[in-house]
Amino acid sequence: MTAVVNVVLAGLGGQGVIKASDILADAALRAGLDVKKAEIHGMSQRGGSVTSDVRFGTKVLSPMVPRGEADFLVVLAPSEVEVARAMLRPGGILLAPDLIPEGRLPNKRSLNVALLGALSHYLDLPVEALVAAMEAALPEKLHAVNGAAFQLGRNVAAEQGTIR
């Protein structure tokens, strides 16, 4: 991998945006890549907007994804889709919360991990690195439910077969 992959995660405080970006960054590190990460919390303690940029590749110089250059935009809250859409490059992939059927989630709080699973379908990162990063970031009692959410996201992205 020589190109830098730009991922922006967005949502509301308490949805696990930062946790998801930590997992993604750790997985890229485990895959031997250079990783940079930046966060904007806003009024996150009160449910306000939260974004996190994760960039990885052979050599990454800056942690911030320039506006309009995100290869992937992962959004956890429907209200944040249009707010964050300008970060996505033309032809980039939007993974919105409606991609994952809420009724199929093993726990509604695992939407962040399910969307990471969907994202993993498009990334050139070993699934084992993502799973190991997820397990390192979460308590053991949450591994099974989040593992199921991750696999659900991968399956849904594979079923879609189209760029959203």
C-alpha atoms as a PDB file:
ATOM      1  CA  MET A   1       0.000   0.000   0.000  1.00  0.00           C
ATOM      2  CA  THR A   2       1.583   3.291  -1.058  1.00  0.00           C
ATOM      3  CA  ALA A   3      -1.403   5.634  -1.130  1.00  0.00           C
ATOM      4  CA  VAL A   4      -2.758   7.162   2.042  1.00  0.00           C
ATOM      5  CA  VAL A   5      -6.256   5.993   2.959  1.00  0.00           C
ATOM      6  CA  ASN A   6      -8.411   8.756   4.462  1.00  0.00           C
ATOM      7  CA  VAL A   7     -11.288   7.780   6.753  1.00  0.00           C
ATOM      8  CA  VAL A   8     -13.572  10.227   8.564  1.00  0.00           C
ATOM      9  CA  LEU A   9     -15.876   8.928  11.282  1.00  0.00           C
ATOM     10  CA  ALA A  10     -18.710  11.157  12.476  1.00  0.00           C
ATOM     11  CA  GLY A  11     -21.563  10.965  14.932  1.00  0.00           C
ATOM     12  CA  LEU A  12     -22.773  12.273  18.252  1.00  0.00           C
ATOM     13  CA  GLY A  13     -21.149  12.144  21.665  1.00  0.00           C
ATOM     14  CA  GLY A  14     -21.658   8.772  23.311  1.00  0.00           C
ATOM     15  CA  GLN A  15     -22.062   6.781  20.078  1.00  0.00           C
ATOM     16  CA  GLY A  16     -18.535   5.392  20.051  1.00  0.00           C
ATOM     17  CA  VAL A  17     -17.017   7.492  17.271  1.00  0.00           C
ATOM     18  CA  ILE A  18     -13.706   7.824  19.120  1.00  0.00           C
ATOM     19  CA  LYS A  19     -13.706   4.144  20.126  1.00  0.00           C
ATOM     20  CA  ALA A  20     -14.283   3.119  16.484  1.00  0.00           C
ATOM     21  CA  SER A  21     -11.475   5.383  15.278  1.00  0.00           C
ATOM     22  CA  ASP A  22      -9.151   3.992  17.975  1.00  0.00           C
ATOM     23  CA  ILE A  23      -9.914   0.447  16.763  1.00  0.00           C
ATOM     24  CA  LEU A  24      -9.316   1.384  13.119  1.00  0.00           C
ATOM     25  CA  ALA A  25      -6.035   3.154  13.907  1.00  0.00           C
ATOM     26  CA  ASP A  26      -4.825   0.235  16.028  1.00  0.00           C
ATOM     27  CA  ALA A  27      -5.703  -2.245  13.252  1.00  0.00           C
ATOM     28  CA  ALA A  28      -3.692  -0.228  10.715  1.00  0.00           C
ATOM     29  CA  LEU A  29      -0.746  -0.158  13.139  1.00  0.00           C
ATOM     30  CA  ARG A  30      -1.037  -3.924  13.614  1.00  0.00           C
ATOM     31  CA  ALA A  31      -0.894  -4.235   9.808  1.00  0.00           C
ATOM     32  CA  GLY A  32       2.453  -2.409   9.849  1.00  0.00           C
ATOM     33  CA  LEU A  33       1.245   0.891   8.431  1.00  0.00           C
ATOM     34  CA  ASP A  34       1.994   4.466   9.382  1.00  0.00           C
ATOM     35  CA  VAL A  35      -1.083   5.931  11.089  1.00  0.00           C
ATOM     36  CA  LYS A  36      -2.158   9.429  12.090  1.00  0.00           C
ATOM     37  CA  LYS A  37      -5.381  10.275  13.940  1.00  0.00           C
ATOM     38  CA  ALA A  38      -7.156  13.487  14.922  1.00  0.00           C
ATOM     39  CA  GLU A  39     -10.405  14.177  16.785  1.00  0.00           C
ATOM     40  CA  ILE A  40     -12.859  17.024  17.129  1.00  0.00           C
ATOM     41  CA  HIS A  41     -15.123  16.664  20.144  1.00  0.00           C
ATOM     42  CA  GLY A  42     -17.293  19.777  19.968  1.00  0.00           C
ATOM     43  CA  MET A  43     -20.057  19.541  22.555  1.00  0.00           C
ATOM     44  CA  SER A  44     -19.683  15.771  22.678  1.00  0.00           C
ATOM     45  CA  GLN A  45     -20.436  15.539  26.386  1.00  0.00           C
ATOM     46  CA  ARG A  46     -23.934  16.750  25.611  1.00  0.00           C
ATOM     47  CA  GLY A  47     -24.548  14.613  22.547  1.00  0.00           C
ATOM     48  CA  GLY A  48     -22.981  17.126  20.160  1.00  0.00           C
ATOM     49  CA  SER A  49     -21.067  16.425  16.965  1.00  0.00           C
ATOM     50  CA  VAL A  50     -17.926  14.310  17.149  1.00  0.00           C
ATOM     51  CA  THR A  51     -15.585  13.586  14.248  1.00  0.00           C
ATOM     52  CA  SER A  52     -12.385  11.615  14.051  1.00  0.00           C
ATOM     53  CA  ASP A  53      -9.973  11.441  11.132  1.00  0.00           C
ATOM     54  CA  VAL A  54      -7.852   8.331  10.615  1.00  0.00           C
ATOM     55  CA  ARG A  55      -5.190   8.281   7.903  1.00  0.00           C
ATOM     56  CA  PHE A  56      -2.975   5.308   7.163  1.00  0.00           C
ATOM     57  CA  GLY A  57      -0.535   4.124   4.531  1.00  0.00           C
ATOM     58  CA  THR A  58       3.180   3.656   3.949  1.00  0.00           C
ATOM     59  CA  LYS A  59       3.939   7.240   5.023  1.00  0.00           C
ATOM     60  CA  VAL A  60       1.401   9.692   6.443  1.00  0.00           C
ATOM     61  CA  LEU A  61       2.440  13.285   7.027  1.00  0.00           C
ATOM     62  CA  SER A  62      -0.658  14.888   8.556  1.00  0.00           C
ATOM     63  CA  PRO A  63      -3.404  13.605  10.883  1.00  0.00           C
ATOM     64  CA  MET A  64      -6.187  15.725   9.370  1.00  0.00           C
ATOM     65  CA  VAL A  65      -8.179  14.641   6.318  1.00  0.00           C
ATOM     66  CA  PRO A  66      -8.566  17.703   4.078  1.00  0.00           C
ATOM     67  CA  ARG A  67     -12.146  18.690   3.294  1.00  0.00           C
ATOM     68  CA  GLY A  68     -13.383  16.805   0.240  1.00  0.00           C
ATOM     69  CA  GLU A  69     -10.635  14.154   0.387  1.00  0.00           C
ATOM     70  CA  ALA A  70     -12.061  11.385   2.584  1.00  0.00           C
ATOM     71  CA  ASP A  71     -12.032   8.042   0.811  1.00  0.00           C
ATOM     72  CA  PHE A  72     -14.535   6.754   3.359  1.00  0.00           C
ATOM     73  CA  LEU A  73     -17.081   8.568   5.513  1.00  0.00           C
ATOM     74  CA  VAL A  74     -18.525   6.462   8.336  1.00  0.00           C
ATOM     75  CA  VAL A  75     -21.484   8.168  10.036  1.00  0.00           C
ATOM     76  CA  LEU A  76     -23.179   6.852  13.167  1.00  0.00           C
ATOM     77  CA  ALA A  77     -26.042   9.369  13.482  1.00  0.00           C
ATOM     78  CA  PRO A  78     -28.537  10.129  10.697  1.00  0.00           C
ATOM     79  CA  SER A  79     -28.441  13.831  11.631  1.00  0.00           C
ATOM     80  CA  GLU A  80     -24.692  13.961  10.930  1.00  0.00           C
ATOM     81  CA  VAL A  81     -24.747  12.555   7.364  1.00  0.00           C
ATOM     82  CA  GLU A  82     -25.306  15.905   5.644  1.00  0.00           C
ATOM     83  CA  VAL A  83     -23.135  17.741   8.176  1.00  0.00           C
ATOM     84  CA  ALA A  84     -20.134  15.548   7.333  1.00  0.00           C
ATOM     85  CA  ARG A  85     -20.819  14.808   3.642  1.00  0.00           C
ATOM     86  CA  ALA A  86     -18.519  17.623   2.462  1.00  0.00           C
ATOM     87  CA  MET A  87     -15.553  15.650   3.814  1.00  0.00           C
ATOM     88  CA  LEU A  88     -16.107  12.883   1.250  1.00  0.00           C
ATOM     89  CA  ARG A  89     -14.177  13.020  -2.019  1.00  0.00           C
ATOM     90  CA  PRO A  90     -16.014  12.530  -5.321  1.00  0.00           C
ATOM     91  CA  GLY A  91     -16.364   8.773  -5.717  1.00  0.00           C
ATOM     92  CA  GLY A  92     -15.731   8.192  -2.012  1.00  0.00           C
ATOM     93  CA  ILE A  93     -17.803   5.707  -0.044  1.00  0.00           C
ATOM     94  CA  LEU A  94     -20.417   6.796   2.487  1.00  0.00           C
ATOM     95  CA  LEU A  95     -21.325   4.266   5.158  1.00  0.00           C
ATOM     96  CA  ALA A  96     -24.421   5.706   6.804  1.00  0.00           C
ATOM     97  CA  PRO A  97     -26.214   4.321   9.870  1.00  0.00           C
ATOM     98  CA  ASP A  98     -29.149   3.084   7.774  1.00  0.00           C
ATOM     99  CA  LEU A  99     -26.802   0.572   6.116  1.00  0.00           C
ATOM    100  CA  ILE A 100     -27.098  -1.651   9.205  1.00  0.00           C
ATOM    101  CA  PRO A 101     -30.655  -2.812   9.969  1.00  0.00           C
ATOM    102  CA  GLU A 102     -31.170  -1.919  13.625  1.00  0.00           C
ATOM    103  CA  GLY A 103     -33.226  -5.054  14.228  1.00  0.00           C
ATOM    104  CA  ARG A 104     -30.291  -7.244  13.185  1.00  0.00           C
ATOM    105  CA  LEU A 105     -27.801  -5.620  15.570  1.00  0.00           C
ATOM    106  CA  PRO A 106     -26.992  -7.871  18.518  1.00  0.00           C
ATOM    107  CA  ASN A 107     -26.923  -4.698  20.673  1.00  0.00           C
ATOM    108  CA  LYS A 108     -27.909  -1.220  19.461  1.00  0.00           C
ATOM    109  CA  ARG A 109     -24.780   0.210  21.109  1.00  0.00           C
ATOM    110  CA  SER A 110     -22.608  -1.838  18.744  1.00  0.00           C
ATOM    111  CA  LEU A 111     -23.533   0.166  15.617  1.00  0.00           C
ATOM    112  CA  ASN A 112     -20.030   1.682  15.610  1.00  0.00           C
ATOM    113  CA  VAL A 113     -18.425  -1.769  15.388  1.00  0.00           C
ATOM    114  CA  ALA A 114     -20.975  -2.951  12.796  1.00  0.00           C
ATOM    115  CA  LEU A 115     -20.090   0.034  10.587  1.00  0.00           C
ATOM    116  CA  LEU A 116     -16.387  -0.786  11.086  1.00  0.00           C
ATOM    117  CA  GLY A 117     -17.216  -4.260   9.832  1.00  0.00           C
ATOM    118  CA  ALA A 118     -18.866  -2.738   6.752  1.00  0.00           C
ATOM    119  CA  LEU A 119     -15.840  -0.481   6.243  1.00  0.00           C
ATOM    120  CA  SER A 120     -13.505  -3.477   6.509  1.00  0.00           C
ATOM    121  CA  HIS A 121     -15.158  -4.916   3.396  1.00  0.00           C
ATOM    122  CA  TYR A 122     -13.554  -2.080   1.399  1.00  0.00           C
ATOM    123  CA  LEU A 123     -10.183  -1.798   3.138  1.00  0.00           C
ATOM    124  CA  ASP A 124      -6.958  -3.589   2.381  1.00  0.00           C
ATOM    125  CA  LEU A 125      -6.421  -4.407   6.064  1.00  0.00           C
ATOM    126  CA  PRO A 126      -6.350  -7.928   7.469  1.00  0.00           C
ATOM    127  CA  VAL A 127      -9.646  -8.771   9.170  1.00  0.00           C
ATOM    128  CA  GLU A 128      -7.586 -10.428  11.915  1.00  0.00           C
ATOM    129  CA  ALA A 129      -5.934  -7.070  12.682  1.00  0.00           C
ATOM    130  CA  LEU A 130      -9.332  -5.381  12.990  1.00  0.00           C
ATOM    131  CA  VAL A 131     -10.714  -8.109  15.236  1.00  0.00           C
ATOM    132  CA  ALA A 132      -7.583  -8.081  17.418  1.00  0.00           C
ATOM    133  CA  ALA A 133      -7.791  -4.270  17.711  1.00  0.00           C
ATOM    134  CA  MET A 134     -11.484  -4.498  18.620  1.00  0.00           C
ATOM    135  CA  GLU A 135     -10.804  -7.096  21.288  1.00  0.00           C
ATOM    136  CA  ALA A 136      -7.922  -5.032  22.698  1.00  0.00           C
ATOM    137  CA  ALA A 137     -10.157  -1.946  22.941  1.00  0.00           C
ATOM    138  CA  LEU A 138     -13.180  -3.576  24.562  1.00  0.00           C
ATOM    139  CA  PRO A 139     -13.746  -5.564  27.763  1.00  0.00           C
ATOM    140  CA  GLU A 140     -13.824  -9.351  27.265  1.00  0.00           C
ATOM    141  CA  LYS A 141     -17.528  -9.507  28.168  1.00  0.00           C
ATOM    142  CA  LEU A 142     -18.273  -7.415  25.030  1.00  0.00           C
ATOM    143  CA  HIS A 143     -16.173  -9.439  22.566  1.00  0.00           C
ATOM    144  CA  ALA A 144     -18.925 -11.835  21.446  1.00  0.00           C
ATOM    145  CA  VAL A 145     -21.613  -9.198  20.856  1.00  0.00           C
ATOM    146  CA  ASN A 146     -19.194  -6.860  19.067  1.00  0.00           C
ATOM    147  CA  GLY A 147     -17.706  -9.717  17.057  1.00  0.00           C
ATOM    148  CA  ALA A 148     -21.230 -10.520  15.855  1.00  0.00           C
ATOM    149  CA  ALA A 149     -21.848  -6.833  15.042  1.00  0.00           C
ATOM    150  CA  PHE A 150     -18.571  -6.637  13.104  1.00  0.00           C
ATOM    151  CA  GLN A 151     -19.479  -9.716  11.051  1.00  0.00           C
ATOM    152  CA  LEU A 152     -22.982  -8.342  10.447  1.00  0.00           C
ATOM    153  CA  GLY A 153     -21.453  -5.169   9.014  1.00  0.00           C
ATOM    154  CA  ARG A 154     -19.117  -7.168   6.750  1.00  0.00           C
ATOM    155  CA  ASN A 155     -22.028  -9.284   5.533  1.00  0.00           C
ATOM    156  CA  VAL A 156     -24.297  -6.312   4.862  1.00  0.00           C
ATOM    157  CA  ALA A 157     -21.567  -4.502   2.899  1.00  0.00           C
ATOM    158  CA  ALA A 158     -20.928  -7.656   0.844  1.00  0.00           C
ATOM    159  CA  GLU A 159     -24.689  -8.054   0.208  1.00  0.00           C
ATOM    160  CA  GLN A 160     -25.036  -4.438  -0.924  1.00  0.00           C
ATOM    161  CA  GLY A 161     -22.588  -4.899  -3.767  1.00  0.00           C
ATOM    162  CA  THR A 162     -22.861  -1.213  -4.575  1.00  0.00           C
ATOM    163  CA  ILE A 163     -21.178   1.924  -3.347  1.00  0.00           C
ATOM    164  CA  ARG A 164     -23.472   3.921  -1.085  1.00  0.00           C
END
